[in-house]
Amino acid sequence: MPMPAEEIERLIKEAFPDAVVEIQDLAGDGDHYAAKVISKAFEGKSRVQQHQMVYAALQGKMGGELHALALQTATPEE
């Protein structure tokens, strides 16, 4: 079952309440998304660590309900 963009945003905002989240459905199928997440929580973290933090926020749904996520992360100052 595809995962709605709203659910992705909700999970990310639960983990990062200050986050600005932009979700784009790349294929129109609810399985392939691009997400841009901006949060102060990423300060001092490498890009890999930032992505790991977002994947952790998705609570294991990557690879299951959520097939593909092209992820961009940044801090508010970037």
C-alpha atoms as a PDB file:
ATOM      1  CA  MET A   1       0.000   0.000   0.000  1.00  0.00           C
ATOM      2  CA  PRO A   2       1.454   3.401  -0.948  1.00  0.00           C
ATOM      3  CA  MET A   3       2.335   5.900   1.745  1.00  0.00           C
ATOM      4  CA  PRO A   4       0.667   9.327   1.496  1.00  0.00           C
ATOM      5  CA  ALA A   5       2.936  12.382   1.460  1.00  0.00           C
ATOM      6  CA  GLU A   6       1.058  13.708   4.495  1.00  0.00           C
ATOM      7  CA  GLU A   7       2.136  10.659   6.505  1.00  0.00           C
ATOM      8  CA  ILE A   8       5.790  11.174   5.570  1.00  0.00           C
ATOM      9  CA  GLU A   9       5.566  14.815   6.612  1.00  0.00           C
ATOM     10  CA  ARG A  10       3.791  13.926   9.879  1.00  0.00           C
ATOM     11  CA  LEU A  11       6.470  11.397  10.872  1.00  0.00           C
ATOM     12  CA  ILE A  12       9.288  13.814  10.077  1.00  0.00           C
ATOM     13  CA  LYS A  13       7.640  16.680  11.981  1.00  0.00           C
ATOM     14  CA  GLU A  14       7.072  14.424  14.990  1.00  0.00           C
ATOM     15  CA  ALA A  15      10.818  13.817  15.132  1.00  0.00           C
ATOM     16  CA  PHE A  16      11.815  17.375  14.181  1.00  0.00           C
ATOM     17  CA  PRO A  17       9.090  19.808  15.327  1.00  0.00           C
ATOM     18  CA  ASP A  18      10.956  22.832  13.911  1.00  0.00           C
ATOM     19  CA  ALA A  19      11.377  21.238  10.485  1.00  0.00           C
ATOM     20  CA  VAL A  20      10.343  22.799   7.223  1.00  0.00           C
ATOM     21  CA  VAL A  21       9.340  19.838   5.072  1.00  0.00           C
ATOM     22  CA  GLU A  22       8.642  19.808   1.340  1.00  0.00           C
ATOM     23  CA  ILE A  23       7.434  16.552  -0.196  1.00  0.00           C
ATOM     24  CA  GLN A  24       7.074  15.892  -3.908  1.00  0.00           C
ATOM     25  CA  ASP A  25       5.508  12.746  -5.397  1.00  0.00           C
ATOM     26  CA  LEU A  26       7.914  12.013  -8.245  1.00  0.00           C
ATOM     27  CA  ALA A  27       5.936   9.367 -10.110  1.00  0.00           C
ATOM     28  CA  GLY A  28       2.364  10.051  -9.000  1.00  0.00           C
ATOM     29  CA  ASP A  29       2.192   6.559  -7.517  1.00  0.00           C
ATOM     30  CA  GLY A  30       2.637   7.270  -3.797  1.00  0.00           C
ATOM     31  CA  ASP A  31       5.818   5.170  -3.769  1.00  0.00           C
ATOM     32  CA  HIS A  32       8.520   7.492  -5.137  1.00  0.00           C
ATOM     33  CA  TYR A  33       9.039  10.784  -3.335  1.00  0.00           C
ATOM     34  CA  ALA A  34      11.542  13.582  -3.040  1.00  0.00           C
ATOM     35  CA  ALA A  35      11.761  15.334   0.315  1.00  0.00           C
ATOM     36  CA  LYS A  36      13.576  18.436   1.472  1.00  0.00           C
ATOM     37  CA  VAL A  37      13.909  18.733   5.241  1.00  0.00           C
ATOM     38  CA  ILE A  38      15.355  21.793   6.968  1.00  0.00           C
ATOM     39  CA  SER A  39      15.919  21.585  10.732  1.00  0.00           C
ATOM     40  CA  LYS A  40      18.219  22.967  13.425  1.00  0.00           C
ATOM     41  CA  ALA A  41      18.588  19.370  14.634  1.00  0.00           C
ATOM     42  CA  PHE A  42      20.972  18.782  11.724  1.00  0.00           C
ATOM     43  CA  GLU A  43      23.514  21.352  12.932  1.00  0.00           C
ATOM     44  CA  GLY A  44      26.969  19.825  13.375  1.00  0.00           C
ATOM     45  CA  LYS A  45      25.933  16.586  11.662  1.00  0.00           C
ATOM     46  CA  SER A  46      27.336  15.209   8.421  1.00  0.00           C
ATOM     47  CA  ARG A  47      24.983  14.806   5.465  1.00  0.00           C
ATOM     48  CA  VAL A  48      24.978  11.038   6.046  1.00  0.00           C
ATOM     49  CA  GLN A  49      24.039  11.529   9.711  1.00  0.00           C
ATOM     50  CA  GLN A  50      21.268  13.941   8.728  1.00  0.00           C
ATOM     51  CA  HIS A  51      19.809  11.398   6.296  1.00  0.00           C
ATOM     52  CA  GLN A  52      20.057   8.642   8.908  1.00  0.00           C
ATOM     53  CA  MET A  53      18.113  10.846  11.323  1.00  0.00           C
ATOM     54  CA  VAL A  54      15.315  11.317   8.784  1.00  0.00           C
ATOM     55  CA  TYR A  55      15.218   7.601   7.932  1.00  0.00           C
ATOM     56  CA  ALA A  56      14.961   6.832  11.670  1.00  0.00           C
ATOM     57  CA  ALA A  57      12.026   9.255  11.911  1.00  0.00           C
ATOM     58  CA  LEU A  58      10.242   7.227   9.221  1.00  0.00           C
ATOM     59  CA  GLN A  59      10.106   4.342  11.706  1.00  0.00           C
ATOM     60  CA  GLY A  60      11.182   1.529   9.408  1.00  0.00           C
ATOM     61  CA  LYS A  61       8.746   2.356   6.619  1.00  0.00           C
ATOM     62  CA  MET A  62      11.542   2.857   4.041  1.00  0.00           C
ATOM     63  CA  GLY A  63      11.662  -0.113   1.722  1.00  0.00           C
ATOM     64  CA  GLY A  64       8.191  -1.215   2.749  1.00  0.00           C
ATOM     65  CA  GLU A  65       5.324   1.254   2.503  1.00  0.00           C
ATOM     66  CA  LEU A  66       7.744   3.850   1.183  1.00  0.00           C
ATOM     67  CA  HIS A  67       9.668   2.472  -1.769  1.00  0.00           C
ATOM     68  CA  ALA A  68      11.960   5.388  -2.682  1.00  0.00           C
ATOM     69  CA  LEU A  69      12.818   8.726  -1.111  1.00  0.00           C
ATOM     70  CA  ALA A  70      15.239  11.182  -2.697  1.00  0.00           C
ATOM     71  CA  LEU A  71      16.315  13.136   0.357  1.00  0.00           C
ATOM     72  CA  GLN A  72      17.795  16.615   0.713  1.00  0.00           C
ATOM     73  CA  THR A  73      18.598  17.918   4.193  1.00  0.00           C
ATOM     74  CA  ALA A  74      19.876  21.247   5.437  1.00  0.00           C
ATOM     75  CA  THR A  75      20.103  23.494   8.465  1.00  0.00           C
ATOM     76  CA  PRO A  76      18.237  26.831   8.430  1.00  0.00           C
ATOM     77  CA  GLU A  77      21.543  28.661   7.900  1.00  0.00           C
ATOM     78  CA  GLU A  78      22.429  26.756   4.706  1.00  0.00           C
END
